[in-house]
Amino acid sequence: MLKYQITIGVLCFALGAAVLFAVQSYRTNGKYEITTIDKLSNHEESMDKTLDSFFDDDFFRSSKSPFDEMRRMQESMMRQFGKLDDDQGGGIFDSWFKNKFGGGDPGDIQIREDEDFVYYDVIIKGLSDQKLDIRVEDGQIKISGTVEKKSGEKSKNGNSRQFSSSTFRRSFPVPQGVDSTRVKMEHDGDKIIIKLPKVG
């Protein structure tokens, strides 16, 4: 056993001496340059700057309202990609946003709170309160309803009336720290107020 330990020790010493000799040879030879700790730390700083610039995006900045983040992300994407017309008259991003999040401008939804409740204020112009539905499922608050538009004009031949009806839907996350089973809704003109009682 002692014989093996001595053999291993001699081999380790020989390997260390060979590495030391090789390093000395490279230093004295002008063709090669050993990377110093300073150069490694400069490389690390460069990598940190690269990663910082990658994660320096609106998405990674904290905000109390997820809708503010969604609006900032939409504006940022619109600036980067520009508006491209599609069949629906808006930009490609606008139609994607409507399909994904149920239409409407994310700025039409505001979140606020007091000691007892978290409130979502949702603005929907021309809303008919008789045709309004609110559900909470899969961690989402889902609102759907009907928007009615009426207009009348007087012409030489008589009165003209136009009536149009369209459906809408909105969905957004249930905030943390509320009891989503006791959600209440109030309707005030073009504004829906969703009240979620806080727990704890």
N, C-alpha and C. Protein backbone atom coordinates (compact mmCIF):
# COMPACT_ATOMS: atom_id res chain seq x y z
N MET A 1 0.82 -1.19 0.00
CA MET A 1 0.00 0.00 0.00
C MET A 1 0.87 1.25 0.00
N LEU A 2 1.90 1.27 0.82
CA LEU A 2 2.82 2.40 0.89
C LEU A 2 3.51 2.62 -0.45
N LYS A 3 3.78 1.52 -1.13
CA LYS A 3 4.45 1.58 -2.42
C LYS A 3 3.59 2.35 -3.44
N TYR A 4 2.27 2.10 -3.42
CA TYR A 4 1.37 2.80 -4.35
C TYR A 4 1.27 4.29 -4.01
N GLN A 5 1.23 4.61 -2.73
CA GLN A 5 1.15 6.01 -2.32
C GLN A 5 2.39 6.79 -2.75
N ILE A 6 3.54 6.17 -2.62
CA ILE A 6 4.79 6.84 -3.03
C ILE A 6 4.79 7.03 -4.54
N THR A 7 4.32 6.02 -5.28
CA THR A 7 4.28 6.12 -6.74
C THR A 7 3.34 7.24 -7.18
N ILE A 8 2.18 7.33 -6.56
CA ILE A 8 1.22 8.38 -6.90
C ILE A 8 1.80 9.76 -6.57
N GLY A 9 2.46 9.88 -5.43
CA GLY A 9 3.08 11.15 -5.04
C GLY A 9 4.13 11.60 -6.03
N VAL A 10 4.98 10.67 -6.48
CA VAL A 10 6.04 10.99 -7.45
C VAL A 10 5.41 11.43 -8.77
N LEU A 11 4.36 10.72 -9.21
CA LEU A 11 3.70 11.08 -10.47
C LEU A 11 3.07 12.47 -10.39
N CYS A 12 2.43 12.80 -9.27
CA CYS A 12 1.83 14.13 -9.10
C CYS A 12 2.90 15.21 -9.12
N PHE A 13 4.04 14.96 -8.46
CA PHE A 13 5.14 15.93 -8.46
C PHE A 13 5.66 16.14 -9.88
N ALA A 14 5.82 15.04 -10.61
CA ALA A 14 6.33 15.13 -11.98
C ALA A 14 5.35 15.89 -12.88
N LEU A 15 4.08 15.64 -12.71
CA LEU A 15 3.07 16.33 -13.51
C LEU A 15 3.08 17.83 -13.20
N GLY A 16 3.17 18.18 -11.92
CA GLY A 16 3.23 19.59 -11.52
C GLY A 16 4.45 20.29 -12.09
N ALA A 17 5.60 19.60 -12.05
CA ALA A 17 6.83 20.19 -12.60
C ALA A 17 6.70 20.39 -14.10
N ALA A 18 6.07 19.44 -14.80
CA ALA A 18 5.90 19.56 -16.25
C ALA A 18 5.00 20.75 -16.60
N VAL A 19 3.94 20.94 -15.84
CA VAL A 19 3.03 22.07 -16.07
C VAL A 19 3.76 23.38 -15.81
N LEU A 20 4.52 23.47 -14.72
CA LEU A 20 5.27 24.67 -14.40
C LEU A 20 6.27 24.99 -15.50
N PHE A 21 6.95 23.98 -16.00
CA PHE A 21 7.92 24.16 -17.09
C PHE A 21 7.22 24.67 -18.35
N ALA A 22 6.06 24.11 -18.66
CA ALA A 22 5.32 24.52 -19.86
C ALA A 22 4.86 25.97 -19.75
N VAL A 23 4.39 26.38 -18.58
CA VAL A 23 3.95 27.75 -18.38
C VAL A 23 5.12 28.71 -18.54
N GLN A 24 6.26 28.37 -17.97
CA GLN A 24 7.45 29.21 -18.10
C GLN A 24 7.88 29.33 -19.56
N SER A 25 7.79 28.26 -20.31
CA SER A 25 8.17 28.28 -21.72
C SER A 25 7.25 29.21 -22.51
N TYR A 26 5.96 29.16 -22.24
CA TYR A 26 5.02 30.02 -22.96
C TYR A 26 5.23 31.49 -22.62
N ARG A 27 5.56 31.79 -21.37
CA ARG A 27 5.78 33.18 -20.97
C ARG A 27 7.01 33.76 -21.66
N THR A 28 8.05 33.00 -21.75
CA THR A 28 9.28 33.51 -22.36
C THR A 28 9.19 33.55 -23.87
N ASN A 29 8.33 32.74 -24.46
CA ASN A 29 8.15 32.72 -25.91
C ASN A 29 7.14 33.81 -26.27
N GLY A 30 7.46 34.71 -27.18
CA GLY A 30 6.61 35.85 -27.54
C GLY A 30 5.35 35.47 -28.28
N LYS A 31 5.24 34.27 -28.80
CA LYS A 31 4.09 33.88 -29.61
C LYS A 31 2.82 33.68 -28.78
N TYR A 32 2.98 33.33 -27.54
CA TYR A 32 1.82 32.97 -26.72
C TYR A 32 1.65 33.97 -25.59
N GLU A 33 0.42 34.13 -25.18
CA GLU A 33 0.12 35.05 -24.10
C GLU A 33 -0.81 34.34 -23.11
N ILE A 34 -0.45 34.36 -21.87
CA ILE A 34 -1.27 33.75 -20.83
C ILE A 34 -2.36 34.75 -20.43
N THR A 35 -3.61 34.29 -20.34
CA THR A 35 -4.71 35.15 -19.93
C THR A 35 -4.59 35.42 -18.44
N THR A 36 -4.53 36.67 -18.08
CA THR A 36 -4.37 37.03 -16.67
C THR A 36 -5.74 37.17 -16.02
N ILE A 37 -5.70 37.26 -14.72
CA ILE A 37 -6.94 37.44 -13.95
C ILE A 37 -7.63 38.74 -14.36
N ASP A 38 -6.83 39.80 -14.65
CA ASP A 38 -7.42 41.08 -15.06
C ASP A 38 -8.22 40.91 -16.35
N LYS A 39 -7.67 40.15 -17.31
CA LYS A 39 -8.37 39.96 -18.57
C LYS A 39 -9.64 39.13 -18.36
N LEU A 40 -9.56 38.15 -17.47
CA LEU A 40 -10.76 37.36 -17.19
C LEU A 40 -11.84 38.21 -16.54
N SER A 41 -11.45 39.10 -15.63
CA SER A 41 -12.46 39.95 -14.98
C SER A 41 -13.04 40.95 -15.97
N ASN A 42 -12.22 41.45 -16.92
CA ASN A 42 -12.75 42.34 -17.96
C ASN A 42 -13.77 41.60 -18.82
N HIS A 43 -13.48 40.35 -19.14
CA HIS A 43 -14.41 39.54 -19.92
C HIS A 43 -15.71 39.34 -19.15
N GLU A 44 -15.58 39.13 -17.84
CA GLU A 44 -16.77 38.93 -17.00
C GLU A 44 -17.61 40.21 -16.96
N GLU A 45 -16.96 41.38 -16.86
CA GLU A 45 -17.70 42.65 -16.87
C GLU A 45 -18.42 42.84 -18.20
N SER A 46 -17.75 42.48 -19.29
CA SER A 46 -18.36 42.58 -20.62
C SER A 46 -19.59 41.68 -20.71
N MET A 47 -19.48 40.47 -20.18
CA MET A 47 -20.61 39.54 -20.20
C MET A 47 -21.76 40.07 -19.34
N ASP A 48 -21.42 40.68 -18.18
CA ASP A 48 -22.46 41.27 -17.33
C ASP A 48 -23.21 42.37 -18.08
N LYS A 49 -22.48 43.23 -18.80
CA LYS A 49 -23.13 44.30 -19.56
C LYS A 49 -24.04 43.74 -20.64
N THR A 50 -23.59 42.67 -21.29
CA THR A 50 -24.41 42.05 -22.33
C THR A 50 -25.70 41.50 -21.74
N LEU A 51 -25.59 40.79 -20.61
CA LEU A 51 -26.78 40.23 -19.97
C LEU A 51 -27.69 41.33 -19.45
N ASP A 52 -27.09 42.41 -18.89
CA ASP A 52 -27.90 43.53 -18.41
C ASP A 52 -28.70 44.15 -19.54
N SER A 53 -28.07 44.32 -20.70
CA SER A 53 -28.78 44.93 -21.82
C SER A 53 -29.89 44.01 -22.33
N PHE A 54 -29.68 42.70 -22.25
CA PHE A 54 -30.71 41.77 -22.69
C PHE A 54 -31.93 41.82 -21.79
N PHE A 55 -31.69 41.90 -20.48
CA PHE A 55 -32.80 41.90 -19.53
C PHE A 55 -33.28 43.31 -19.18
N ASP A 56 -32.73 44.34 -19.84
CA ASP A 56 -33.18 45.70 -19.62
C ASP A 56 -34.38 45.95 -20.53
N ASP A 57 -35.49 45.36 -20.18
CA ASP A 57 -36.69 45.42 -20.99
C ASP A 57 -37.85 45.80 -20.08
N ASP A 58 -38.89 46.40 -20.65
CA ASP A 58 -40.05 46.79 -19.86
C ASP A 58 -40.65 45.62 -19.09
N PHE A 59 -40.59 44.43 -19.68
CA PHE A 59 -41.19 43.26 -19.05
C PHE A 59 -40.55 42.97 -17.70
N PHE A 60 -39.23 43.21 -17.57
CA PHE A 60 -38.52 42.84 -16.36
C PHE A 60 -38.55 43.94 -15.30
N ARG A 61 -39.17 45.07 -15.61
CA ARG A 61 -39.29 46.12 -14.61
C ARG A 61 -40.54 45.86 -13.78
N SER A 62 -40.43 46.10 -12.49
CA SER A 62 -41.57 45.80 -11.62
C SER A 62 -42.63 46.89 -11.74
N SER A 63 -43.86 46.47 -11.60
CA SER A 63 -44.98 47.40 -11.62
C SER A 63 -46.10 46.79 -10.79
N LYS A 64 -46.87 47.63 -10.15
CA LYS A 64 -47.96 47.11 -9.35
C LYS A 64 -49.10 46.58 -10.22
N SER A 65 -49.29 47.20 -11.38
CA SER A 65 -50.40 46.82 -12.25
C SER A 65 -49.91 46.00 -13.44
N PRO A 66 -50.45 44.79 -13.62
CA PRO A 66 -50.06 44.01 -14.80
C PRO A 66 -50.52 44.66 -16.10
N PHE A 67 -51.55 45.52 -16.03
CA PHE A 67 -52.05 46.16 -17.23
C PHE A 67 -51.12 47.27 -17.70
N ASP A 68 -50.46 47.95 -16.75
CA ASP A 68 -49.44 48.92 -17.14
C ASP A 68 -48.32 48.22 -17.88
N GLU A 69 -47.92 47.05 -17.38
CA GLU A 69 -46.87 46.28 -18.05
C GLU A 69 -47.32 45.86 -19.45
N MET A 70 -48.57 45.40 -19.57
CA MET A 70 -49.08 44.98 -20.87
C MET A 70 -49.10 46.15 -21.85
N ARG A 71 -49.51 47.34 -21.36
CA ARG A 71 -49.56 48.51 -22.23
C ARG A 71 -48.15 48.90 -22.67
N ARG A 72 -47.19 48.89 -21.72
CA ARG A 72 -45.80 49.24 -22.08
C ARG A 72 -45.23 48.23 -23.06
N MET A 73 -45.53 46.96 -22.85
CA MET A 73 -45.03 45.94 -23.78
C MET A 73 -45.64 46.13 -25.17
N GLN A 74 -46.94 46.44 -25.23
CA GLN A 74 -47.59 46.65 -26.52
C GLN A 74 -46.98 47.85 -27.22
N GLU A 75 -46.79 48.96 -26.50
CA GLU A 75 -46.20 50.15 -27.11
C GLU A 75 -44.78 49.88 -27.60
N SER A 76 -44.02 49.15 -26.80
CA SER A 76 -42.65 48.81 -27.20
C SER A 76 -42.64 47.97 -28.47
N MET A 77 -43.51 46.97 -28.52
CA MET A 77 -43.56 46.12 -29.71
C MET A 77 -44.03 46.91 -30.92
N MET A 78 -44.98 47.82 -30.73
CA MET A 78 -45.46 48.61 -31.85
C MET A 78 -44.35 49.51 -32.39
N ARG A 79 -43.54 50.07 -31.50
CA ARG A 79 -42.41 50.89 -31.96
C ARG A 79 -41.41 50.05 -32.73
N GLN A 80 -41.14 48.83 -32.26
CA GLN A 80 -40.13 48.00 -32.90
C GLN A 80 -40.59 47.43 -34.23
N PHE A 81 -41.82 47.00 -34.32
CA PHE A 81 -42.28 46.33 -35.53
C PHE A 81 -43.04 47.25 -36.48
N GLY A 82 -43.52 48.38 -35.97
CA GLY A 82 -44.29 49.28 -36.81
C GLY A 82 -45.67 48.70 -37.07
N LYS A 83 -46.52 49.52 -37.60
CA LYS A 83 -47.88 49.05 -37.90
C LYS A 83 -47.90 48.45 -39.29
N LEU A 84 -48.34 47.22 -39.38
CA LEU A 84 -48.53 46.55 -40.66
C LEU A 84 -50.02 46.31 -40.81
N ASP A 85 -50.59 46.79 -41.90
CA ASP A 85 -52.04 46.64 -42.09
C ASP A 85 -52.41 45.20 -42.34
N ASP A 86 -53.53 44.80 -41.80
CA ASP A 86 -54.09 43.49 -42.09
C ASP A 86 -55.57 43.66 -42.44
N ASP A 87 -56.26 42.57 -42.62
CA ASP A 87 -57.65 42.62 -43.07
C ASP A 87 -58.57 43.29 -42.05
N GLN A 88 -58.20 43.30 -40.79
CA GLN A 88 -59.09 43.85 -39.77
C GLN A 88 -58.88 45.34 -39.58
N GLY A 89 -58.02 45.96 -40.38
CA GLY A 89 -57.88 47.40 -40.33
C GLY A 89 -56.85 47.90 -39.35
N GLY A 90 -56.41 47.13 -38.42
CA GLY A 90 -55.40 47.56 -37.47
C GLY A 90 -54.07 46.91 -37.81
N GLY A 91 -53.16 46.99 -36.89
CA GLY A 91 -51.88 46.34 -37.10
C GLY A 91 -51.98 44.86 -36.79
N ILE A 92 -50.98 44.13 -37.21
CA ILE A 92 -50.94 42.69 -36.92
C ILE A 92 -50.92 42.46 -35.42
N PHE A 93 -50.15 43.28 -34.70
CA PHE A 93 -50.08 43.11 -33.25
C PHE A 93 -51.44 43.39 -32.61
N ASP A 94 -52.15 44.41 -33.12
CA ASP A 94 -53.47 44.73 -32.55
C ASP A 94 -54.43 43.55 -32.66
N SER A 95 -54.47 42.92 -33.84
CA SER A 95 -55.40 41.79 -34.00
C SER A 95 -54.97 40.61 -33.15
N TRP A 96 -53.64 40.39 -33.02
CA TRP A 96 -53.16 39.32 -32.14
C TRP A 96 -53.56 39.61 -30.70
N PHE A 97 -53.39 40.86 -30.26
CA PHE A 97 -53.71 41.24 -28.89
C PHE A 97 -55.19 41.03 -28.62
N LYS A 98 -56.04 41.41 -29.58
CA LYS A 98 -57.48 41.23 -29.39
C LYS A 98 -57.85 39.77 -29.29
N ASN A 99 -57.24 38.93 -30.12
CA ASN A 99 -57.54 37.50 -30.06
C ASN A 99 -57.03 36.88 -28.77
N LYS A 100 -55.87 37.31 -28.31
CA LYS A 100 -55.25 36.71 -27.14
C LYS A 100 -55.92 37.16 -25.84
N PHE A 101 -56.20 38.46 -25.74
CA PHE A 101 -56.68 39.01 -24.47
C PHE A 101 -58.11 39.51 -24.52
N GLY A 102 -58.83 39.21 -25.59
CA GLY A 102 -60.25 39.53 -25.62
C GLY A 102 -60.58 40.92 -26.11
N GLY A 103 -59.67 41.55 -26.79
CA GLY A 103 -59.97 42.84 -27.40
C GLY A 103 -59.84 43.98 -26.44
N GLY A 104 -59.94 45.18 -27.00
CA GLY A 104 -59.86 46.38 -26.20
C GLY A 104 -58.44 46.80 -25.93
N ASP A 105 -58.34 48.01 -25.49
CA ASP A 105 -57.05 48.60 -25.16
C ASP A 105 -56.72 48.23 -23.72
N PRO A 106 -55.49 47.75 -23.45
CA PRO A 106 -55.17 47.42 -22.06
C PRO A 106 -55.25 48.63 -21.15
N GLY A 107 -55.19 49.84 -21.72
CA GLY A 107 -55.34 51.04 -20.92
C GLY A 107 -56.75 51.24 -20.41
N ASP A 108 -57.73 50.50 -20.96
CA ASP A 108 -59.11 50.60 -20.52
C ASP A 108 -59.35 49.89 -19.18
N ILE A 109 -58.34 49.25 -18.63
CA ILE A 109 -58.46 48.53 -17.37
C ILE A 109 -57.48 49.14 -16.37
N GLN A 110 -58.00 49.58 -15.24
CA GLN A 110 -57.16 50.15 -14.18
C GLN A 110 -57.36 49.33 -12.92
N ILE A 111 -56.30 49.20 -12.13
CA ILE A 111 -56.39 48.47 -10.87
C ILE A 111 -56.09 49.45 -9.73
N ARG A 112 -56.86 49.33 -8.66
CA ARG A 112 -56.64 50.14 -7.47
C ARG A 112 -57.05 49.31 -6.26
N GLU A 113 -56.73 49.80 -5.08
CA GLU A 113 -57.09 49.04 -3.88
C GLU A 113 -57.23 49.97 -2.69
N ASP A 114 -57.95 49.49 -1.68
CA ASP A 114 -58.01 50.16 -0.39
C ASP A 114 -57.74 49.09 0.67
N GLU A 115 -58.09 49.35 1.91
CA GLU A 115 -57.78 48.40 2.98
C GLU A 115 -58.55 47.09 2.85
N ASP A 116 -59.75 47.14 2.27
CA ASP A 116 -60.61 45.97 2.24
C ASP A 116 -60.74 45.28 0.89
N PHE A 117 -60.55 46.02 -0.20
CA PHE A 117 -60.82 45.48 -1.53
C PHE A 117 -59.71 45.81 -2.52
N VAL A 118 -59.64 44.98 -3.56
CA VAL A 118 -58.90 45.30 -4.78
C VAL A 118 -59.96 45.53 -5.84
N TYR A 119 -59.82 46.63 -6.58
CA TYR A 119 -60.81 47.02 -7.59
C TYR A 119 -60.19 46.97 -8.98
N TYR A 120 -60.96 46.47 -9.93
CA TYR A 120 -60.63 46.60 -11.34
C TYR A 120 -61.68 47.52 -11.95
N ASP A 121 -61.24 48.63 -12.54
CA ASP A 121 -62.13 49.53 -13.26
C ASP A 121 -61.95 49.26 -14.74
N VAL A 122 -63.01 48.79 -15.39
CA VAL A 122 -62.97 48.43 -16.80
C VAL A 122 -63.89 49.38 -17.56
N ILE A 123 -63.32 50.09 -18.54
CA ILE A 123 -64.09 51.04 -19.35
C ILE A 123 -64.50 50.35 -20.65
N ILE A 124 -65.82 50.30 -20.90
CA ILE A 124 -66.34 49.73 -22.14
C ILE A 124 -67.46 50.66 -22.62
N LYS A 125 -67.22 51.35 -23.72
CA LYS A 125 -68.20 52.33 -24.22
C LYS A 125 -69.39 51.62 -24.86
N GLY A 126 -70.60 52.10 -24.54
CA GLY A 126 -71.82 51.55 -25.14
C GLY A 126 -72.25 50.23 -24.53
N LEU A 127 -71.86 49.98 -23.30
CA LEU A 127 -72.13 48.70 -22.66
C LEU A 127 -73.60 48.56 -22.28
N SER A 128 -74.16 47.39 -22.55
CA SER A 128 -75.52 47.07 -22.14
C SER A 128 -75.44 46.19 -20.90
N ASP A 129 -75.96 46.70 -19.76
CA ASP A 129 -75.82 45.94 -18.52
C ASP A 129 -76.71 44.70 -18.48
N GLN A 130 -77.73 44.63 -19.33
CA GLN A 130 -78.57 43.45 -19.34
C GLN A 130 -77.82 42.25 -19.95
N LYS A 131 -76.80 42.52 -20.73
CA LYS A 131 -76.10 41.44 -21.42
C LYS A 131 -74.65 41.39 -20.98
N LEU A 132 -74.44 41.25 -19.68
CA LEU A 132 -73.11 41.28 -19.10
C LEU A 132 -72.90 40.05 -18.22
N ASP A 133 -71.78 39.38 -18.39
CA ASP A 133 -71.49 38.16 -17.63
C ASP A 133 -70.08 38.26 -17.06
N ILE A 134 -69.92 37.87 -15.80
CA ILE A 134 -68.60 37.83 -15.18
C ILE A 134 -68.40 36.47 -14.55
N ARG A 135 -67.23 35.88 -14.79
CA ARG A 135 -66.88 34.57 -14.22
C ARG A 135 -65.44 34.61 -13.73
N VAL A 136 -65.16 33.79 -12.72
CA VAL A 136 -63.79 33.60 -12.26
C VAL A 136 -63.48 32.12 -12.42
N GLU A 137 -62.49 31.82 -13.28
CA GLU A 137 -62.09 30.43 -13.49
C GLU A 137 -60.65 30.38 -13.96
N ASP A 138 -59.96 29.33 -13.56
CA ASP A 138 -58.57 29.11 -13.95
C ASP A 138 -57.67 30.29 -13.59
N GLY A 139 -57.94 30.93 -12.45
CA GLY A 139 -57.11 32.06 -12.02
C GLY A 139 -57.31 33.32 -12.83
N GLN A 140 -58.38 33.37 -13.61
CA GLN A 140 -58.67 34.53 -14.46
C GLN A 140 -60.06 35.08 -14.15
N ILE A 141 -60.19 36.40 -14.22
CA ILE A 141 -61.50 37.04 -14.18
C ILE A 141 -61.90 37.24 -15.63
N LYS A 142 -63.05 36.72 -16.01
CA LYS A 142 -63.49 36.79 -17.41
C LYS A 142 -64.80 37.56 -17.48
N ILE A 143 -64.80 38.61 -18.29
CA ILE A 143 -65.99 39.43 -18.50
C ILE A 143 -66.39 39.30 -19.95
N SER A 144 -67.67 39.12 -20.20
CA SER A 144 -68.16 39.12 -21.57
C SER A 144 -69.50 39.84 -21.59
N GLY A 145 -69.82 40.41 -22.72
CA GLY A 145 -71.07 41.15 -22.81
C GLY A 145 -71.32 41.65 -24.21
N THR A 146 -72.32 42.50 -24.32
CA THR A 146 -72.72 43.05 -25.61
C THR A 146 -72.62 44.57 -25.58
N VAL A 147 -72.05 45.12 -26.63
CA VAL A 147 -71.98 46.56 -26.79
C VAL A 147 -72.94 46.94 -27.91
N GLU A 148 -73.83 47.87 -27.62
CA GLU A 148 -74.82 48.29 -28.61
C GLU A 148 -74.57 49.74 -28.99
N LYS A 149 -74.66 50.01 -30.28
CA LYS A 149 -74.49 51.37 -30.78
C LYS A 149 -75.73 51.75 -31.58
N LYS A 150 -76.29 52.90 -31.24
CA LYS A 150 -77.47 53.40 -31.95
C LYS A 150 -77.16 54.80 -32.46
N SER A 151 -77.63 55.08 -33.64
CA SER A 151 -77.48 56.43 -34.18
C SER A 151 -78.69 56.75 -35.03
N GLY A 152 -79.08 58.00 -35.01
CA GLY A 152 -80.22 58.42 -35.81
C GLY A 152 -79.90 59.70 -36.57
N GLU A 153 -80.40 59.81 -37.79
CA GLU A 153 -80.17 60.99 -38.61
C GLU A 153 -81.48 61.41 -39.26
N LYS A 154 -81.63 62.69 -39.43
CA LYS A 154 -82.79 63.20 -40.17
C LYS A 154 -82.34 63.49 -41.60
N SER A 155 -83.09 62.98 -42.52
CA SER A 155 -82.80 63.25 -43.93
C SER A 155 -84.03 63.86 -44.58
N LYS A 156 -83.95 64.20 -45.86
CA LYS A 156 -85.09 64.78 -46.58
C LYS A 156 -86.26 63.80 -46.65
N ASN A 157 -85.95 62.53 -46.74
CA ASN A 157 -86.99 61.50 -46.87
C ASN A 157 -87.54 61.03 -45.53
N GLY A 158 -86.98 61.47 -44.44
CA GLY A 158 -87.46 61.02 -43.14
C GLY A 158 -86.30 60.73 -42.20
N ASN A 159 -86.62 59.99 -41.17
CA ASN A 159 -85.61 59.64 -40.17
C ASN A 159 -84.90 58.35 -40.55
N SER A 160 -83.66 58.30 -40.23
CA SER A 160 -82.87 57.09 -40.47
C SER A 160 -82.23 56.68 -39.14
N ARG A 161 -82.36 55.43 -38.84
CA ARG A 161 -81.76 54.92 -37.60
C ARG A 161 -80.84 53.77 -37.93
N GLN A 162 -79.73 53.75 -37.24
CA GLN A 162 -78.79 52.63 -37.38
C GLN A 162 -78.58 52.01 -36.01
N PHE A 163 -78.50 50.72 -36.02
CA PHE A 163 -78.30 49.97 -34.78
C PHE A 163 -77.27 48.89 -35.04
N SER A 164 -76.27 48.82 -34.20
CA SER A 164 -75.29 47.73 -34.33
C SER A 164 -75.00 47.16 -32.95
N SER A 165 -74.67 45.91 -32.94
CA SER A 165 -74.40 45.20 -31.70
C SER A 165 -73.17 44.34 -31.89
N SER A 166 -72.29 44.37 -30.92
CA SER A 166 -71.10 43.51 -30.99
C SER A 166 -70.81 42.95 -29.60
N THR A 167 -70.17 41.83 -29.58
CA THR A 167 -69.81 41.22 -28.30
C THR A 167 -68.36 41.55 -27.97
N PHE A 168 -68.05 41.49 -26.71
CA PHE A 168 -66.68 41.73 -26.26
C PHE A 168 -66.36 40.73 -25.16
N ARG A 169 -65.09 40.61 -24.90
CA ARG A 169 -64.65 39.81 -23.75
C ARG A 169 -63.33 40.38 -23.26
N ARG A 170 -63.13 40.31 -21.98
CA ARG A 170 -61.88 40.71 -21.34
C ARG A 170 -61.51 39.62 -20.35
N SER A 171 -60.25 39.39 -20.22
CA SER A 171 -59.80 38.46 -19.17
C SER A 171 -58.50 38.99 -18.61
N PHE A 172 -58.34 38.84 -17.31
CA PHE A 172 -57.13 39.29 -16.64
C PHE A 172 -56.95 38.47 -15.37
N PRO A 173 -55.74 38.44 -14.82
CA PRO A 173 -55.45 37.55 -13.69
C PRO A 173 -56.12 38.01 -12.40
N VAL A 174 -56.49 37.03 -11.59
CA VAL A 174 -56.98 37.31 -10.24
C VAL A 174 -55.77 37.73 -9.40
N PRO A 175 -55.80 38.89 -8.76
CA PRO A 175 -54.64 39.30 -7.97
C PRO A 175 -54.46 38.41 -6.74
N GLN A 176 -53.25 38.39 -6.22
CA GLN A 176 -52.97 37.59 -5.03
C GLN A 176 -53.56 38.26 -3.80
N GLY A 177 -53.91 37.45 -2.83
CA GLY A 177 -54.39 37.96 -1.55
C GLY A 177 -55.86 38.37 -1.53
N VAL A 178 -56.66 37.84 -2.49
CA VAL A 178 -58.09 38.15 -2.50
C VAL A 178 -58.90 36.86 -2.51
N ASP A 179 -60.17 36.98 -2.12
CA ASP A 179 -61.09 35.84 -2.16
C ASP A 179 -61.87 35.92 -3.47
N SER A 180 -61.46 35.14 -4.44
CA SER A 180 -62.08 35.21 -5.78
C SER A 180 -63.47 34.59 -5.81
N THR A 181 -63.89 33.90 -4.74
CA THR A 181 -65.23 33.32 -4.72
C THR A 181 -66.29 34.36 -4.34
N ARG A 182 -65.85 35.51 -3.84
CA ARG A 182 -66.79 36.56 -3.41
C ARG A 182 -66.65 37.82 -4.27
N VAL A 183 -66.41 37.64 -5.53
CA VAL A 183 -66.26 38.78 -6.44
C VAL A 183 -67.61 39.47 -6.63
N LYS A 184 -67.60 40.81 -6.64
CA LYS A 184 -68.81 41.60 -6.86
C LYS A 184 -68.55 42.56 -8.02
N MET A 185 -69.63 42.89 -8.73
CA MET A 185 -69.51 43.78 -9.86
C MET A 185 -70.53 44.90 -9.75
N GLU A 186 -70.08 46.12 -10.05
CA GLU A 186 -70.97 47.27 -10.12
C GLU A 186 -70.85 47.86 -11.52
N HIS A 187 -71.96 48.36 -12.02
CA HIS A 187 -71.99 48.93 -13.37
C HIS A 187 -72.33 50.41 -13.24
N ASP A 188 -71.45 51.27 -13.76
CA ASP A 188 -71.65 52.71 -13.65
C ASP A 188 -71.39 53.34 -15.02
N GLY A 189 -72.46 53.46 -15.83
CA GLY A 189 -72.30 54.01 -17.18
C GLY A 189 -71.45 53.11 -18.05
N ASP A 190 -70.36 53.67 -18.57
CA ASP A 190 -69.44 52.90 -19.41
C ASP A 190 -68.38 52.17 -18.59
N LYS A 191 -68.50 52.22 -17.27
CA LYS A 191 -67.47 51.61 -16.41
C LYS A 191 -68.04 50.45 -15.61
N ILE A 192 -67.29 49.35 -15.59
CA ILE A 192 -67.60 48.21 -14.73
C ILE A 192 -66.58 48.25 -13.60
N ILE A 193 -67.05 48.13 -12.37
CA ILE A 193 -66.15 48.08 -11.22
C ILE A 193 -66.24 46.68 -10.64
N ILE A 194 -65.13 45.98 -10.64
CA ILE A 194 -65.07 44.62 -10.07
C ILE A 194 -64.39 44.73 -8.72
N LYS A 195 -65.08 44.25 -7.67
CA LYS A 195 -64.56 44.32 -6.30
C LYS A 195 -64.18 42.92 -5.84
N LEU A 196 -62.95 42.78 -5.39
CA LEU A 196 -62.47 41.51 -4.85
C LEU A 196 -62.05 41.74 -3.40
N PRO A 197 -62.73 41.10 -2.43
CA PRO A 197 -62.37 41.32 -1.03
C PRO A 197 -61.00 40.71 -0.69
N LYS A 198 -60.24 41.46 0.09
CA LYS A 198 -58.93 40.96 0.52
C LYS A 198 -59.10 39.92 1.61
N VAL A 199 -58.17 38.98 1.67
CA VAL A 199 -58.19 37.97 2.72
C VAL A 199 -57.07 38.29 3.71
N GLY A 200 -57.26 37.84 4.94
CA GLY A 200 -56.20 37.99 5.93
C GLY A 200 -56.42 39.15 6.75
